């Protein structure tokens, strides 16, 4: 999948009634656009219209209007029956365009298709693609590696929020992040709280578009402040290993893991995560006699307990068991 590049932009969008393309107006000269929504649109549908307006106005000198004087109208509608997360693009009234989504996500992806097939010069030339599109696969996700001080951790969070919107327009339906905790003293560490605030903004950008979110966790993950007497044997290391990780077979080790995971799941509960992916190696593992071989022993002990806790605290969540670096 080719992902469009991130561009920082901002604009206002007003929603109104129906208008059309004037009979004598060339589509290449469209300078005013109106978005028509159903009678009482919810927050996700309203935000999809807002995403369209921002994308359009960053590409060309077009005004979004609501007073019925627009030369072009984009009509956004939801009508089940197309296929899960599918959409249909047809001609609208008086030269306008009608995008019908099977559901909110389908409508979002239809808007993305329309934006990609349109042309932008001084004005706006609406895309000529017409037809129906339904995704082939149920999970089309991306993991944003929000650690090691890379782009997702250090870029202005507004840029990352807009990037998430771009991903959504391309058909991504799930965004996952990892709350890398090894360099924080604990959940209440001010730096940890600030980091979680950034992560929540990124995940909320996805939820506001109507797409899902997921959490990546390490089976025996721990904070820098983990008790030293609980720490794991590094001999199971494959790839990276944090020396603060804990052994689930030491008395109190699994309890510690479940306590800190419970804090994370409580924090994320208002986001309604669809998935929790539990990770074995790189950065996890323990090589003690009771945990070896980690992937088929200690890791499974952690994963079973962590998945049970996730299902309890995040109703409806699905579990992905990672086999990263298994051999």
Protein backbone atom coordinates (compact mmCIF):
# COMPACT_ATOMS: atom_id res chain seq x y z
CA UNK A 1 0.00 0.00 0.00
CA UNK A 2 1.36 3.43 -0.91
CA UNK A 3 0.79 5.93 1.89
CA UNK A 4 0.51 9.59 1.04
CA UNK A 5 3.01 11.95 2.61
CA UNK A 6 2.08 13.99 5.61
CA UNK A 7 1.28 17.66 5.14
CA UNK A 8 0.39 20.02 7.92
CA UNK A 9 -2.85 21.85 7.29
CA UNK A 10 -5.83 23.46 8.98
CA UNK A 11 -9.15 24.86 7.79
CA UNK A 12 -12.76 25.33 8.80
CA UNK A 13 -15.64 23.31 7.41
CA UNK A 14 -19.30 24.24 7.46
CA UNK A 15 -22.05 21.76 6.68
CA UNK A 16 -25.22 22.71 4.85
CA UNK A 17 -27.95 21.72 2.45
CA UNK A 18 -27.76 20.65 -1.19
CA UNK A 19 -26.23 22.60 -4.03
CA UNK A 20 -24.88 21.53 -7.40
CA UNK A 21 -22.47 22.38 -10.14
CA UNK A 22 -23.82 25.24 -12.21
CA UNK A 23 -24.75 24.21 -15.77
CA UNK A 24 -22.17 26.53 -17.28
CA UNK A 25 -19.42 25.83 -14.72
CA UNK A 26 -16.34 23.79 -15.74
CA UNK A 27 -15.29 21.28 -13.10
CA UNK A 28 -11.70 22.51 -13.40
CA UNK A 29 -12.86 25.93 -12.25
CA UNK A 30 -14.69 24.86 -9.08
CA UNK A 31 -13.87 27.40 -6.38
CA UNK A 32 -16.68 26.81 -3.86
CA UNK A 33 -17.67 23.42 -2.43
CA UNK A 34 -20.46 22.33 -0.14
CA UNK A 35 -20.67 19.09 1.83
CA UNK A 36 -24.17 17.71 2.35
CA UNK A 37 -24.66 15.31 5.26
CA UNK A 38 -27.68 13.39 6.61
CA UNK A 39 -30.05 15.26 8.92
CA UNK A 40 -28.33 14.54 12.26
CA UNK A 41 -24.77 13.34 11.58
CA UNK A 42 -22.81 11.86 14.47
CA UNK A 43 -19.32 13.01 15.51
CA UNK A 44 -17.46 10.55 13.27
CA UNK A 45 -19.45 11.48 10.16
CA UNK A 46 -19.02 15.16 10.94
CA UNK A 47 -15.27 14.67 11.33
CA UNK A 48 -15.04 12.78 8.02
CA UNK A 49 -16.55 15.82 6.35
CA UNK A 50 -14.01 17.96 8.19
CA UNK A 51 -11.13 15.79 6.98
CA UNK A 52 -12.37 16.19 3.40
CA UNK A 53 -12.52 19.97 3.78
CA UNK A 54 -9.01 20.22 5.22
CA UNK A 55 -7.56 17.97 2.55
CA UNK A 56 -9.25 19.94 -0.21
CA UNK A 57 -8.20 23.35 1.07
CA UNK A 58 -4.56 22.38 1.51
CA UNK A 59 -4.41 21.31 -2.16
CA UNK A 60 -6.04 24.27 -3.88
CA UNK A 61 -7.73 27.63 -3.35
CA UNK A 62 -11.26 26.36 -2.72
CA UNK A 63 -13.74 27.72 -0.20
CA UNK A 64 -16.10 25.50 1.77
CA UNK A 65 -19.50 27.18 2.04
CA UNK A 66 -22.85 26.37 3.65
CA UNK A 67 -25.22 28.98 2.30
CA UNK A 68 -26.34 27.14 -0.85
CA UNK A 69 -24.19 29.18 -3.23
CA UNK A 70 -21.53 26.52 -3.86
CA UNK A 71 -20.74 25.55 -7.42
CA UNK A 72 -20.14 21.91 -6.43
CA UNK A 73 -21.75 19.64 -3.84
CA UNK A 74 -20.36 16.47 -2.35
CA UNK A 75 -23.12 14.38 -0.80
CA UNK A 76 -22.11 11.91 1.93
CA UNK A 77 -24.55 9.12 2.73
CA UNK A 78 -24.56 5.85 4.68
CA UNK A 79 -26.62 2.99 3.23
CA UNK A 80 -25.85 -0.58 4.39
CA UNK A 81 -25.80 -3.32 1.80
CA UNK A 82 -22.62 -2.57 -0.14
CA UNK A 83 -20.36 -4.80 1.96
CA UNK A 84 -18.52 -4.20 5.22
CA UNK A 85 -16.39 -1.03 5.00
CA UNK A 86 -17.25 -0.68 1.31
CA UNK A 87 -18.38 2.38 -0.64
CA UNK A 88 -20.02 3.47 -3.87
CA UNK A 89 -19.30 6.69 -5.80
CA UNK A 90 -21.93 7.92 -8.24
CA UNK A 91 -22.92 11.13 -9.99
CA UNK A 92 -24.96 13.49 -7.87
CA UNK A 93 -27.45 16.17 -8.78
CA UNK A 94 -26.45 19.03 -11.09
CA UNK A 95 -22.91 17.78 -11.61
CA UNK A 96 -22.22 16.97 -7.98
CA UNK A 97 -20.89 13.69 -6.59
CA UNK A 98 -22.53 11.24 -4.19
CA UNK A 99 -20.43 8.98 -1.96
CA UNK A 100 -22.35 6.20 -0.24
CA UNK A 101 -20.68 4.22 2.52
CA UNK A 102 -21.88 0.88 3.80
CA UNK A 103 -20.87 2.24 7.21
CA UNK A 104 -18.81 5.11 8.58
CA UNK A 105 -15.51 3.50 7.61
CA UNK A 106 -16.76 2.78 4.12
CA UNK A 107 -17.73 6.43 3.74
CA UNK A 108 -14.27 7.48 4.95
CA UNK A 109 -12.57 5.27 2.37
CA UNK A 110 -14.88 6.57 -0.35
CA UNK A 111 -13.84 10.12 0.50
CA UNK A 112 -10.21 9.01 0.25
CA UNK A 113 -10.78 7.47 -3.17
CA UNK A 114 -12.52 10.62 -4.37
CA UNK A 115 -9.69 12.84 -3.15
CA UNK A 116 -7.06 10.69 -4.87
CA UNK A 117 -8.87 10.68 -8.21
CA UNK A 118 -9.51 14.43 -8.25
CA UNK A 119 -7.20 17.11 -9.70
CA UNK A 120 -6.03 20.28 -8.00
CA UNK A 121 -4.83 23.37 -9.81
CA UNK A 122 -6.06 26.88 -9.07
CA UNK A 123 -9.46 25.32 -8.52
CA UNK A 124 -10.78 21.82 -8.04
CA UNK A 125 -11.54 19.19 -10.70
CA UNK A 126 -13.66 16.43 -9.09
CA UNK A 127 -12.54 12.87 -9.79
CA UNK A 128 -14.32 10.95 -12.56
CA UNK A 129 -14.00 7.49 -10.96
CA UNK A 130 -17.39 5.83 -10.42
CA UNK A 131 -18.03 2.39 -9.03
CA UNK A 132 -18.07 0.18 -5.93
CA UNK A 133 -15.15 -0.91 -3.78
CA UNK A 134 -15.17 -3.35 -0.84
CA UNK A 135 -12.02 -4.34 1.11
CA UNK A 136 -10.69 -7.88 0.63
CA UNK A 137 -9.34 -8.26 4.18
CA UNK A 138 -10.85 -7.46 7.60
CA UNK A 139 -7.71 -6.09 9.27
CA UNK A 140 -5.59 -3.50 7.48
CA UNK A 141 -3.46 -2.09 10.24
CA UNK A 142 -0.27 -0.16 10.81
CA UNK A 143 2.02 -0.04 13.83
CA UNK A 144 3.43 3.39 14.66
CA UNK A 145 6.74 2.76 16.47
CA UNK A 146 6.48 5.46 19.13
CA UNK A 147 9.84 4.74 20.76
CA UNK A 148 13.62 5.13 20.34
CA UNK A 149 12.94 8.85 19.76
CA UNK A 150 11.96 8.28 16.15
CA UNK A 151 9.52 10.38 14.12
CA UNK A 152 6.34 9.17 15.80
CA UNK A 153 7.74 9.96 19.24
CA UNK A 154 9.38 13.30 18.49
CA UNK A 155 7.52 15.01 15.63
CA UNK A 156 4.93 17.67 16.48
CA UNK A 157 1.94 15.62 17.56
CA UNK A 158 -0.30 17.66 15.25
CA UNK A 159 1.66 16.29 12.29
CA UNK A 160 1.22 12.72 13.47
CA UNK A 161 -2.52 13.30 13.98
CA UNK A 162 -2.85 14.51 10.40
CA UNK A 163 -0.76 11.56 9.21
CA UNK A 164 -3.18 9.18 10.92
CA UNK A 165 -6.01 10.86 9.00
CA UNK A 166 -4.07 10.30 5.77
CA UNK A 167 -3.62 6.61 6.59
CA UNK A 168 -7.35 6.31 7.25
CA UNK A 169 -8.17 7.83 3.87
CA UNK A 170 -6.00 5.15 2.23
CA UNK A 171 -8.04 2.34 3.79
CA UNK A 172 -6.15 1.55 7.00
CA UNK A 173 -8.67 0.47 9.64
CA UNK A 174 -6.47 -0.06 12.70
CA UNK A 175 -3.60 1.89 14.27
CA UNK A 176 -1.43 0.28 16.96
CA UNK A 177 1.14 1.81 19.32
CA UNK A 178 3.54 0.54 21.97
CA UNK A 179 3.75 2.29 25.33
CA UNK A 180 7.47 1.62 25.87
CA UNK A 181 7.76 1.95 29.65
CA UNK A 182 11.28 0.72 30.38
CA UNK A 183 12.78 4.20 30.80
CA UNK A 184 10.11 5.48 33.22
CA UNK A 185 10.08 4.90 36.98
CA UNK A 186 6.40 3.98 37.04
CA UNK A 187 2.90 4.88 35.90
CA UNK A 188 2.88 8.13 37.91
CA UNK A 189 6.26 9.32 36.57
CA UNK A 190 5.51 12.79 35.05
CA UNK A 191 7.45 11.87 31.90
CA UNK A 192 5.41 8.69 31.55
CA UNK A 193 2.19 10.67 31.94
CA UNK A 194 3.29 13.12 29.24
CA UNK A 195 4.18 10.26 26.91
CA UNK A 196 0.78 8.64 27.44
CA UNK A 197 -0.85 11.97 26.70
CA UNK A 198 0.89 12.04 23.33
CA UNK A 199 -0.11 8.45 22.58
CA UNK A 200 -3.71 9.19 23.45
CA UNK A 201 -3.83 12.11 21.04
CA UNK A 202 -2.53 9.87 18.25
CA UNK A 203 -5.05 7.13 19.01
CA UNK A 204 -7.91 9.62 19.36
CA UNK A 205 -7.12 10.91 15.87
CA UNK A 206 -7.82 7.39 14.62
CA UNK A 207 -10.98 7.00 16.69
CA UNK A 208 -12.32 10.36 15.51
CA UNK A 209 -12.07 9.02 11.95
CA UNK A 210 -13.96 5.92 13.01
CA UNK A 211 -11.08 3.45 12.69
CA UNK A 212 -9.86 1.08 15.40
CA UNK A 213 -6.85 1.16 17.69
CA UNK A 214 -4.62 -1.51 19.19
CA UNK A 215 -2.02 -1.84 21.93
CA UNK A 216 1.31 -3.66 21.69
CA UNK A 217 2.67 -5.02 24.99
CA UNK A 218 5.63 -7.20 25.96
CA UNK A 219 4.85 -10.38 27.88
CA UNK A 220 7.14 -9.56 30.82
CA UNK A 221 7.42 -5.81 30.33
CA UNK A 222 8.42 -3.56 33.22
CA UNK A 223 9.30 -0.03 34.26
CA UNK A 224 12.80 1.15 35.15
CA UNK A 225 11.56 1.08 38.74
CA UNK A 226 10.83 -2.67 38.74
CA UNK A 227 12.05 -4.50 41.88
CA UNK A 228 15.55 -5.83 41.23
CA UNK A 229 14.77 -9.11 42.96
CA UNK A 230 12.06 -9.81 40.33
CA UNK A 231 14.14 -9.16 37.25
CA UNK A 232 14.47 -11.66 34.42
CA UNK A 233 17.47 -13.74 33.40
CA UNK A 234 18.82 -12.15 30.17
CA UNK A 235 19.95 -15.48 28.68
CA UNK A 236 16.68 -15.73 26.69
CA UNK A 237 17.58 -12.56 24.79
CA UNK A 238 16.76 -12.48 21.09
CA UNK A 239 17.20 -9.05 19.58
CA UNK A 240 16.83 -6.35 22.19
CA UNK A 241 16.46 -6.97 25.93
CA UNK A 242 15.69 -4.53 28.73
CA UNK A 243 17.33 -5.50 32.00
CA UNK A 244 14.30 -4.22 33.91
CA UNK A 245 12.02 -7.00 32.57
CA UNK A 246 10.63 -9.35 35.23
CA UNK A 247 10.51 -13.12 35.58
CA UNK A 248 6.94 -14.49 35.82
CA UNK A 249 8.13 -17.49 37.87
CA UNK A 250 9.72 -15.51 40.69
CA UNK A 251 7.33 -14.93 43.62
CA UNK A 252 5.55 -11.66 42.89
CA UNK A 253 6.83 -11.38 39.32
CA UNK A 254 3.60 -12.15 37.50
CA UNK A 255 1.66 -10.04 40.00
CA UNK A 256 3.88 -7.08 39.15
CA UNK A 257 3.28 -7.60 35.42
CA UNK A 258 -0.48 -7.75 35.87
CA UNK A 259 -0.47 -4.65 38.05
CA UNK A 260 1.31 -2.47 35.50
CA UNK A 261 -0.68 -3.95 32.60
CA UNK A 262 -3.88 -3.23 34.50
CA UNK A 263 -2.86 0.42 34.82
CA UNK A 264 -2.27 0.58 31.07
CA UNK A 265 -5.56 -1.12 30.18
CA UNK A 266 -7.50 1.18 32.54
CA UNK A 267 -5.85 4.19 30.89
CA UNK A 268 -6.81 2.95 27.42
CA UNK A 269 -10.35 1.85 28.25
CA UNK A 270 -12.04 5.02 26.92
CA UNK A 271 -10.40 4.39 23.52
CA UNK A 272 -12.10 1.01 23.16
CA UNK A 273 -9.04 -0.88 21.81
CA UNK A 274 -9.96 -3.60 19.33
CA UNK A 275 -6.71 -5.54 19.76
CA UNK A 276 -3.99 -6.23 22.29
CA UNK A 277 -0.91 -7.79 20.73
CA UNK A 278 1.34 -9.59 23.25
CA UNK A 279 5.02 -9.66 22.23
CA UNK A 280 7.58 -12.36 23.20
CA UNK A 281 11.16 -11.44 22.23
CA UNK A 282 12.84 -8.15 21.38
CA UNK A 283 12.45 -6.70 24.02
CA UNK A 284 11.10 -9.51 26.22
CA UNK A 285 12.21 -12.85 27.61
CA UNK A 286 13.59 -14.66 30.62
CA UNK A 287 16.20 -17.43 30.48
CA UNK A 288 15.89 -18.91 33.97
CA UNK A 289 15.35 -22.65 34.45
CA UNK A 290 11.61 -22.22 35.08
CA UNK A 291 11.00 -19.98 32.05
CA UNK A 292 13.10 -21.80 29.41
CA UNK A 293 12.35 -22.10 26.54
CA UNK A 294 10.78 -18.65 26.80
CA UNK A 295 8.60 -18.73 23.68
CA UNK A 296 6.91 -22.02 24.60
CA UNK A 297 7.00 -21.69 28.37
CA UNK A 298 7.47 -18.48 30.35
CA UNK A 299 6.02 -16.31 27.58
CA UNK A 300 2.84 -18.39 27.41
CA UNK A 301 2.41 -18.10 31.17
CA UNK A 302 2.60 -14.31 30.87
CA UNK A 303 0.45 -14.14 27.75
CA UNK A 304 -2.36 -16.23 29.23
CA UNK A 305 -2.58 -14.02 32.30
CA UNK A 306 -2.20 -10.73 30.42
CA UNK A 307 -4.85 -11.70 27.85
CA UNK A 308 -7.29 -12.64 30.61
CA UNK A 309 -6.74 -9.26 32.26
CA UNK A 310 -7.18 -7.46 28.94
CA UNK A 311 -10.51 -9.19 28.28
CA UNK A 312 -11.68 -8.27 31.76
CA UNK A 313 -10.76 -4.60 31.55
CA UNK A 314 -11.39 -4.05 27.80
CA UNK A 315 -14.66 -5.82 26.96
CA UNK A 316 -14.72 -7.25 23.45
CA UNK A 317 -10.98 -6.89 22.87
CA UNK A 318 -9.24 -9.46 20.66
CA UNK A 319 -5.84 -10.94 21.46
CA UNK A 320 -3.02 -11.26 18.94
CA UNK A 321 -0.24 -13.59 20.08
CA UNK A 322 2.98 -12.45 18.44
CA UNK A 323 5.58 -14.97 17.29
CA UNK A 324 8.22 -12.36 16.60
CA UNK A 325 11.72 -13.96 16.48
CA UNK A 326 10.39 -17.48 17.08
CA UNK A 327 12.45 -20.26 15.47
